[in-house]
Structures are given as structure tokens and as C-alpha cells.
Amino acid sequence: MLWSVYNARMTWLVVALGGAAGSLARHLVNVVTGRVMGQSSPYATFTVNIVGSWTIGLLAGLLATERLHMTPVTRTLVFVGVLGGFTTFSSYMLDTLTLADGGHVRSALLNLTGQVLLGYAAAYAGFRLGL
């Protein structure tokens, strides 16, 4: 019982620490992109989404082939904490890839288009509501 409470608290702690590291890396990309391109958006967002998607795909592939081993806590730190703080787009892409790779191509396409279209509609509605 005490061990499971410790593990649960440790998981929350690694998500927070990883999220902080990922958010700092995300901000660094904003700053560097702003200096190089003269503006950060949309270039920084594009950059973190592609880099994050490549990274999560690489790690998932290495884990799937057992060429990389991570404890559950480390996996949570990296996937949920660091990559989640850096860009949640990578999780979205991995979810879509997992669906497609599992033979659920229709669900993958619905996930891909549904989140983009509904996300845009939600941002538009929220923006209009805020005016």
C-alpha cells in the first residue's frame, strides 16, 4: 500500500518536472526562432510539432522493438512530462499512428481530421466569444 502511494506521488512529480523541462525547451525554440526568423509564430510551433512527432515516433519504435527499455516512471517522465510540455501534437500523432498501424485506418483518419477541424472550430468560437 505504502509503495503504491509512493509510486503515484513519484509519477505526479516526474510529470511536473518533465513538463517544466519540456515547456522550457518549447520556450527556447520560440526565442531562437524569433531571433532567426524575425518572428516565432508559426515557425516555432511548426518546429516543435515536427521535432516532437519525430522524437515520440523514434522512442515508441525503439521501445516496441525492445532496443530501448524504460521503467514506467521514466516512460511517463519522457512521454507525458517532457514531450507533453514540449508539444502535445506529438501525442496526437502517435495516437493516430497507433490507430493506423493497428489496422484502424478509418479511425486514424477521423482522429487526424476531426481534431484539426474541431480544434479550429473551437479556437474560432472561443476567439469570437472573447471579442
N, C-alpha and C. Protein backbone atom coordinates (compact mmCIF):
# COMPACT_ATOMS: atom_id res chain seq x y z
N MET A 1 0.82 -1.20 0.00
CA MET A 1 0.00 0.00 0.00
C MET A 1 0.86 1.26 0.00
N LEU A 2 1.83 1.31 0.91
CA LEU A 2 2.70 2.47 1.01
C LEU A 2 3.51 2.65 -0.27
N TRP A 3 3.95 1.54 -0.87
CA TRP A 3 4.73 1.59 -2.11
C TRP A 3 3.91 2.16 -3.26
N SER A 4 2.63 1.78 -3.35
CA SER A 4 1.78 2.30 -4.42
C SER A 4 1.51 3.79 -4.24
N VAL A 5 1.39 4.26 -3.02
CA VAL A 5 1.22 5.69 -2.76
C VAL A 5 2.49 6.43 -3.17
N TYR A 6 3.64 5.86 -2.83
CA TYR A 6 4.93 6.46 -3.23
C TYR A 6 5.03 6.53 -4.75
N ASN A 7 4.70 5.44 -5.44
CA ASN A 7 4.77 5.42 -6.91
C ASN A 7 3.82 6.43 -7.53
N ALA A 8 2.62 6.56 -6.98
CA ALA A 8 1.65 7.52 -7.51
C ALA A 8 2.18 8.95 -7.34
N ARG A 9 2.74 9.24 -6.19
CA ARG A 9 3.30 10.58 -5.96
C ARG A 9 4.51 10.82 -6.85
N MET A 10 5.34 9.80 -7.04
CA MET A 10 6.52 9.91 -7.89
C MET A 10 6.09 10.19 -9.33
N THR A 11 5.04 9.54 -9.78
CA THR A 11 4.54 9.76 -11.14
C THR A 11 4.12 11.21 -11.32
N TRP A 12 3.37 11.75 -10.38
CA TRP A 12 2.95 13.16 -10.47
C TRP A 12 4.16 14.09 -10.47
N LEU A 13 5.15 13.77 -9.67
CA LEU A 13 6.35 14.60 -9.58
C LEU A 13 7.12 14.57 -10.90
N VAL A 14 7.30 13.39 -11.49
CA VAL A 14 8.05 13.33 -12.75
C VAL A 14 7.30 13.98 -13.89
N VAL A 15 5.98 13.92 -13.87
CA VAL A 15 5.20 14.63 -14.90
C VAL A 15 5.42 16.13 -14.75
N ALA A 16 5.38 16.62 -13.53
CA ALA A 16 5.59 18.06 -13.29
C ALA A 16 6.99 18.50 -13.69
N LEU A 17 8.00 17.74 -13.30
CA LEU A 17 9.38 18.09 -13.63
C LEU A 17 9.64 17.97 -15.14
N GLY A 18 9.14 16.89 -15.73
CA GLY A 18 9.30 16.72 -17.17
C GLY A 18 8.54 17.78 -17.94
N GLY A 19 7.35 18.12 -17.49
CA GLY A 19 6.57 19.16 -18.13
C GLY A 19 7.27 20.51 -18.07
N ALA A 20 7.90 20.78 -16.94
CA ALA A 20 8.66 22.03 -16.82
C ALA A 20 9.82 22.05 -17.80
N ALA A 21 10.54 20.94 -17.90
CA ALA A 21 11.66 20.86 -18.84
C ALA A 21 11.18 21.00 -20.28
N GLY A 22 10.09 20.33 -20.62
CA GLY A 22 9.55 20.43 -21.97
C GLY A 22 9.07 21.83 -22.29
N SER A 23 8.44 22.48 -21.33
CA SER A 23 7.97 23.85 -21.54
C SER A 23 9.13 24.83 -21.71
N LEU A 24 10.19 24.62 -20.95
CA LEU A 24 11.38 25.46 -21.11
C LEU A 24 12.00 25.25 -22.50
N ALA A 25 12.06 24.01 -22.94
CA ALA A 25 12.59 23.74 -24.28
C ALA A 25 11.70 24.37 -25.35
N ARG A 26 10.41 24.31 -25.14
CA ARG A 26 9.45 24.92 -26.08
C ARG A 26 9.68 26.43 -26.15
N HIS A 27 9.86 27.05 -25.01
CA HIS A 27 10.10 28.49 -24.99
C HIS A 27 11.44 28.83 -25.65
N LEU A 28 12.44 28.00 -25.44
CA LEU A 28 13.73 28.21 -26.10
C LEU A 28 13.57 28.20 -27.62
N VAL A 29 12.77 27.28 -28.13
CA VAL A 29 12.51 27.25 -29.58
C VAL A 29 11.82 28.54 -30.02
N ASN A 30 10.87 29.04 -29.21
CA ASN A 30 10.23 30.32 -29.52
C ASN A 30 11.25 31.45 -29.61
N VAL A 31 12.13 31.53 -28.63
CA VAL A 31 13.12 32.61 -28.58
C VAL A 31 14.09 32.51 -29.76
N VAL A 32 14.63 31.33 -30.00
CA VAL A 32 15.59 31.15 -31.09
C VAL A 32 14.93 31.40 -32.44
N THR A 33 13.74 30.86 -32.62
CA THR A 33 13.03 31.06 -33.89
C THR A 33 12.73 32.54 -34.10
N GLY A 34 12.34 33.23 -33.06
CA GLY A 34 12.07 34.67 -33.17
C GLY A 34 13.30 35.44 -33.59
N ARG A 35 14.44 35.06 -33.06
CA ARG A 35 15.69 35.75 -33.42
C ARG A 35 16.12 35.43 -34.84
N VAL A 36 15.99 34.18 -35.24
CA VAL A 36 16.43 33.76 -36.57
C VAL A 36 15.47 34.21 -37.66
N MET A 37 14.16 34.05 -37.43
CA MET A 37 13.16 34.32 -38.46
C MET A 37 12.54 35.71 -38.35
N GLY A 38 12.80 36.41 -37.26
CA GLY A 38 12.20 37.71 -37.07
C GLY A 38 10.85 37.63 -36.37
N GLN A 39 10.28 36.46 -36.32
CA GLN A 39 9.04 36.20 -35.58
C GLN A 39 9.03 34.72 -35.23
N SER A 40 8.40 34.38 -34.11
CA SER A 40 8.42 32.98 -33.70
C SER A 40 7.24 32.19 -34.26
N SER A 41 6.09 32.80 -34.31
CA SER A 41 4.90 32.08 -34.76
C SER A 41 4.66 32.32 -36.24
N PRO A 42 4.34 31.35 -37.02
CA PRO A 42 4.03 29.95 -36.74
C PRO A 42 5.25 29.04 -36.84
N TYR A 43 6.43 29.59 -37.07
CA TYR A 43 7.62 28.76 -37.30
C TYR A 43 8.01 27.94 -36.07
N ALA A 44 7.92 28.52 -34.90
CA ALA A 44 8.28 27.78 -33.69
C ALA A 44 7.30 26.64 -33.46
N THR A 45 6.02 26.91 -33.64
CA THR A 45 5.02 25.86 -33.46
C THR A 45 5.25 24.73 -34.45
N PHE A 46 5.50 25.08 -35.69
CA PHE A 46 5.80 24.08 -36.72
C PHE A 46 7.01 23.24 -36.30
N THR A 47 8.06 23.92 -35.85
CA THR A 47 9.29 23.23 -35.47
C THR A 47 9.06 22.26 -34.32
N VAL A 48 8.43 22.71 -33.23
CA VAL A 48 8.24 21.81 -32.10
C VAL A 48 7.30 20.66 -32.45
N ASN A 49 6.31 20.91 -33.27
CA ASN A 49 5.40 19.83 -33.65
C ASN A 49 6.11 18.75 -34.46
N ILE A 50 6.97 19.14 -35.38
CA ILE A 50 7.68 18.16 -36.19
C ILE A 50 8.76 17.46 -35.37
N VAL A 51 9.54 18.22 -34.62
CA VAL A 51 10.59 17.62 -33.78
C VAL A 51 9.98 16.70 -32.73
N GLY A 52 8.90 17.14 -32.09
CA GLY A 52 8.24 16.32 -31.08
C GLY A 52 7.65 15.05 -31.68
N SER A 53 7.05 15.15 -32.86
CA SER A 53 6.48 13.97 -33.51
C SER A 53 7.57 12.98 -33.90
N TRP A 54 8.69 13.48 -34.42
CA TRP A 54 9.80 12.60 -34.79
C TRP A 54 10.35 11.91 -33.54
N THR A 55 10.51 12.67 -32.47
CA THR A 55 11.08 12.12 -31.23
C THR A 55 10.19 11.06 -30.62
N ILE A 56 8.88 11.33 -30.53
CA ILE A 56 7.99 10.35 -29.93
C ILE A 56 7.88 9.10 -30.81
N GLY A 57 7.93 9.29 -32.13
CA GLY A 57 7.91 8.14 -33.04
C GLY A 57 9.16 7.29 -32.88
N LEU A 58 10.32 7.93 -32.81
CA LEU A 58 11.58 7.22 -32.63
C LEU A 58 11.57 6.43 -31.33
N LEU A 59 11.20 7.09 -30.24
CA LEU A 59 11.20 6.42 -28.94
C LEU A 59 10.19 5.27 -28.90
N ALA A 60 9.01 5.48 -29.47
CA ALA A 60 8.00 4.42 -29.49
C ALA A 60 8.50 3.23 -30.31
N GLY A 61 9.15 3.50 -31.43
CA GLY A 61 9.71 2.42 -32.24
C GLY A 61 10.80 1.66 -31.52
N LEU A 62 11.69 2.39 -30.84
CA LEU A 62 12.76 1.74 -30.09
C LEU A 62 12.20 0.90 -28.93
N LEU A 63 11.16 1.41 -28.28
CA LEU A 63 10.52 0.64 -27.21
C LEU A 63 9.81 -0.59 -27.75
N ALA A 64 9.13 -0.42 -28.88
CA ALA A 64 8.39 -1.54 -29.48
C ALA A 64 9.31 -2.67 -29.91
N THR A 65 10.51 -2.32 -30.38
CA THR A 65 11.47 -3.34 -30.81
C THR A 65 12.40 -3.78 -29.69
N GLU A 66 12.15 -3.26 -28.50
CA GLU A 66 12.92 -3.57 -27.30
C GLU A 66 14.41 -3.23 -27.43
N ARG A 67 14.72 -2.26 -28.30
CA ARG A 67 16.09 -1.75 -28.37
C ARG A 67 16.30 -0.66 -27.34
N LEU A 68 15.22 -0.22 -26.72
CA LEU A 68 15.27 0.75 -25.64
C LEU A 68 14.34 0.25 -24.54
N HIS A 69 14.80 0.37 -23.33
CA HIS A 69 13.98 -0.04 -22.18
C HIS A 69 13.82 1.16 -21.26
N MET A 70 12.58 1.37 -20.81
CA MET A 70 12.28 2.44 -19.86
C MET A 70 11.39 1.87 -18.78
N THR A 71 11.63 2.29 -17.56
CA THR A 71 10.71 1.95 -16.49
C THR A 71 9.41 2.71 -16.74
N PRO A 72 8.32 2.28 -16.14
CA PRO A 72 7.07 3.02 -16.30
C PRO A 72 7.19 4.49 -15.87
N VAL A 73 7.94 4.75 -14.81
CA VAL A 73 8.10 6.13 -14.35
C VAL A 73 8.91 6.93 -15.37
N THR A 74 9.96 6.35 -15.91
CA THR A 74 10.76 7.04 -16.93
C THR A 74 9.95 7.29 -18.18
N ARG A 75 9.16 6.32 -18.57
CA ARG A 75 8.30 6.48 -19.75
C ARG A 75 7.32 7.63 -19.53
N THR A 76 6.74 7.71 -18.34
CA THR A 76 5.83 8.81 -18.02
C THR A 76 6.56 10.14 -18.02
N LEU A 77 7.77 10.16 -17.46
CA LEU A 77 8.58 11.38 -17.45
C LEU A 77 8.81 11.88 -18.88
N VAL A 78 9.22 10.99 -19.77
CA VAL A 78 9.58 11.39 -21.13
C VAL A 78 8.36 11.68 -21.99
N PHE A 79 7.41 10.74 -22.04
CA PHE A 79 6.28 10.87 -22.96
C PHE A 79 5.26 11.90 -22.48
N VAL A 80 4.86 11.81 -21.24
CA VAL A 80 3.83 12.72 -20.73
C VAL A 80 4.44 14.03 -20.26
N GLY A 81 5.54 13.95 -19.53
CA GLY A 81 6.16 15.15 -18.98
C GLY A 81 6.89 15.98 -20.02
N VAL A 82 8.05 15.49 -20.46
CA VAL A 82 8.90 16.28 -21.35
C VAL A 82 8.23 16.55 -22.69
N LEU A 83 7.81 15.49 -23.37
CA LEU A 83 7.20 15.69 -24.69
C LEU A 83 5.84 16.38 -24.59
N GLY A 84 5.09 16.10 -23.52
CA GLY A 84 3.82 16.78 -23.32
C GLY A 84 4.00 18.26 -23.07
N GLY A 85 5.05 18.62 -22.34
CA GLY A 85 5.35 20.03 -22.11
C GLY A 85 5.89 20.71 -23.35
N PHE A 86 6.60 19.95 -24.17
CA PHE A 86 7.19 20.48 -25.40
C PHE A 86 6.11 20.66 -26.46
N THR A 87 5.31 19.63 -26.69
CA THR A 87 4.21 19.70 -27.66
C THR A 87 3.29 18.51 -27.48
N THR A 88 2.01 18.75 -27.28
CA THR A 88 1.06 17.64 -27.21
C THR A 88 0.74 17.11 -28.61
N PHE A 89 1.13 17.84 -29.63
CA PHE A 89 0.93 17.40 -31.01
C PHE A 89 1.59 16.05 -31.23
N SER A 90 2.74 15.82 -30.59
CA SER A 90 3.43 14.54 -30.76
C SER A 90 2.57 13.38 -30.26
N SER A 91 1.86 13.56 -29.16
CA SER A 91 0.96 12.52 -28.66
C SER A 91 -0.19 12.28 -29.62
N TYR A 92 -0.70 13.35 -30.17
CA TYR A 92 -1.77 13.28 -31.17
C TYR A 92 -1.31 12.47 -32.39
N MET A 93 -0.08 12.72 -32.83
CA MET A 93 0.45 11.99 -33.98
C MET A 93 0.70 10.53 -33.64
N LEU A 94 1.22 10.25 -32.43
CA LEU A 94 1.46 8.86 -32.03
C LEU A 94 0.14 8.11 -31.90
N ASP A 95 -0.88 8.74 -31.33
CA ASP A 95 -2.20 8.11 -31.26
C ASP A 95 -2.71 7.76 -32.65
N THR A 96 -2.56 8.69 -33.59
CA THR A 96 -3.01 8.47 -34.96
C THR A 96 -2.21 7.35 -35.61
N LEU A 97 -0.90 7.35 -35.42
CA LEU A 97 -0.04 6.30 -35.95
C LEU A 97 -0.41 4.94 -35.38
N THR A 98 -0.66 4.89 -34.08
CA THR A 98 -1.02 3.63 -33.43
C THR A 98 -2.33 3.08 -33.99
N LEU A 99 -3.30 3.96 -34.21
CA LEU A 99 -4.56 3.53 -34.82
C LEU A 99 -4.33 2.96 -36.22
N ALA A 100 -3.60 3.70 -37.04
CA ALA A 100 -3.34 3.26 -38.42
C ALA A 100 -2.54 1.97 -38.44
N ASP A 101 -1.50 1.90 -37.62
CA ASP A 101 -0.64 0.72 -37.58
C ASP A 101 -1.41 -0.51 -37.08
N GLY A 102 -2.41 -0.28 -36.26
CA GLY A 102 -3.25 -1.38 -35.76
C GLY A 102 -4.36 -1.77 -36.72
N GLY A 103 -4.36 -1.20 -37.92
CA GLY A 103 -5.36 -1.55 -38.92
C GLY A 103 -6.63 -0.72 -38.83
N HIS A 104 -6.65 0.28 -37.99
CA HIS A 104 -7.83 1.13 -37.81
C HIS A 104 -7.64 2.42 -38.59
N VAL A 105 -7.49 2.29 -39.89
CA VAL A 105 -7.17 3.42 -40.76
C VAL A 105 -8.29 4.46 -40.73
N ARG A 106 -9.52 4.00 -40.76
CA ARG A 106 -10.65 4.93 -40.73
C ARG A 106 -10.64 5.76 -39.44
N SER A 107 -10.41 5.10 -38.32
CA SER A 107 -10.34 5.81 -37.04
C SER A 107 -9.15 6.78 -37.02
N ALA A 108 -8.04 6.36 -37.61
CA ALA A 108 -6.86 7.23 -37.68
C ALA A 108 -7.18 8.49 -38.48
N LEU A 109 -7.84 8.32 -39.61
CA LEU A 109 -8.20 9.48 -40.44
C LEU A 109 -9.22 10.37 -39.74
N LEU A 110 -10.17 9.76 -39.04
CA LEU A 110 -11.14 10.55 -38.27
C LEU A 110 -10.44 11.32 -37.15
N ASN A 111 -9.50 10.67 -36.49
CA ASN A 111 -8.75 11.34 -35.44
C ASN A 111 -7.94 12.51 -36.02
N LEU A 112 -7.30 12.25 -37.13
CA LEU A 112 -6.47 13.26 -37.78
C LEU A 112 -7.28 14.48 -38.20
N THR A 113 -8.34 14.24 -38.93
CA THR A 113 -9.14 15.36 -39.44
C THR A 113 -10.07 15.94 -38.38
N GLY A 114 -10.61 15.08 -37.54
CA GLY A 114 -11.55 15.53 -36.52
C GLY A 114 -10.94 16.51 -35.54
N GLN A 115 -9.74 16.18 -35.06
CA GLN A 115 -9.10 17.08 -34.10
C GLN A 115 -8.70 18.40 -34.73
N VAL A 116 -8.27 18.36 -35.99
CA VAL A 116 -7.89 19.60 -36.66
C VAL A 116 -9.12 20.47 -36.89
N LEU A 117 -10.15 19.89 -37.45
CA LEU A 117 -11.35 20.68 -37.76
C LEU A 117 -12.07 21.15 -36.50
N LEU A 118 -12.27 20.24 -35.55
CA LEU A 118 -12.94 20.65 -34.31
C LEU A 118 -12.08 21.59 -33.48
N GLY A 119 -10.75 21.37 -33.51
CA GLY A 119 -9.85 22.27 -32.80
C GLY A 119 -9.90 23.67 -33.38
N TYR A 120 -9.92 23.75 -34.70
CA TYR A 120 -10.03 25.06 -35.35
C TYR A 120 -11.36 25.71 -35.01
N ALA A 121 -12.44 24.95 -35.09
CA ALA A 121 -13.77 25.48 -34.77
C ALA A 121 -13.85 25.95 -33.33
N ALA A 122 -13.25 25.19 -32.41
CA ALA A 122 -13.25 25.58 -31.00
C ALA A 122 -12.44 26.85 -30.78
N ALA A 123 -11.28 26.94 -31.43
CA ALA A 123 -10.46 28.16 -31.29
C ALA A 123 -11.20 29.37 -31.88
N TYR A 124 -11.84 29.17 -33.01
CA TYR A 124 -12.61 30.25 -33.65
C TYR A 124 -13.77 30.70 -32.73
N ALA A 125 -14.51 29.71 -32.21
CA ALA A 125 -15.64 30.03 -31.33
C ALA A 125 -15.16 30.75 -30.07
N GLY A 126 -14.08 30.24 -29.47
CA GLY A 126 -13.54 30.88 -28.27
C GLY A 126 -13.07 32.28 -28.53
N PHE A 127 -12.40 32.47 -29.67
CA PHE A 127 -11.91 33.80 -30.04
C PHE A 127 -13.07 34.76 -30.22
N ARG A 128 -14.10 34.34 -30.96
CA ARG A 128 -15.28 35.18 -31.19
C ARG A 128 -16.00 35.50 -29.89
N LEU A 129 -16.09 34.52 -29.03
CA LEU A 129 -16.73 34.73 -27.74
C LEU A 129 -15.94 35.75 -26.91
N GLY A 130 -14.62 35.73 -27.06
CA GLY A 130 -13.77 36.65 -26.31
C GLY A 130 -13.75 38.06 -26.84
N LEU A 131 -14.28 38.28 -28.06
CA LEU A 131 -14.30 39.63 -28.63
C LEU A 131 -15.34 40.52 -27.99
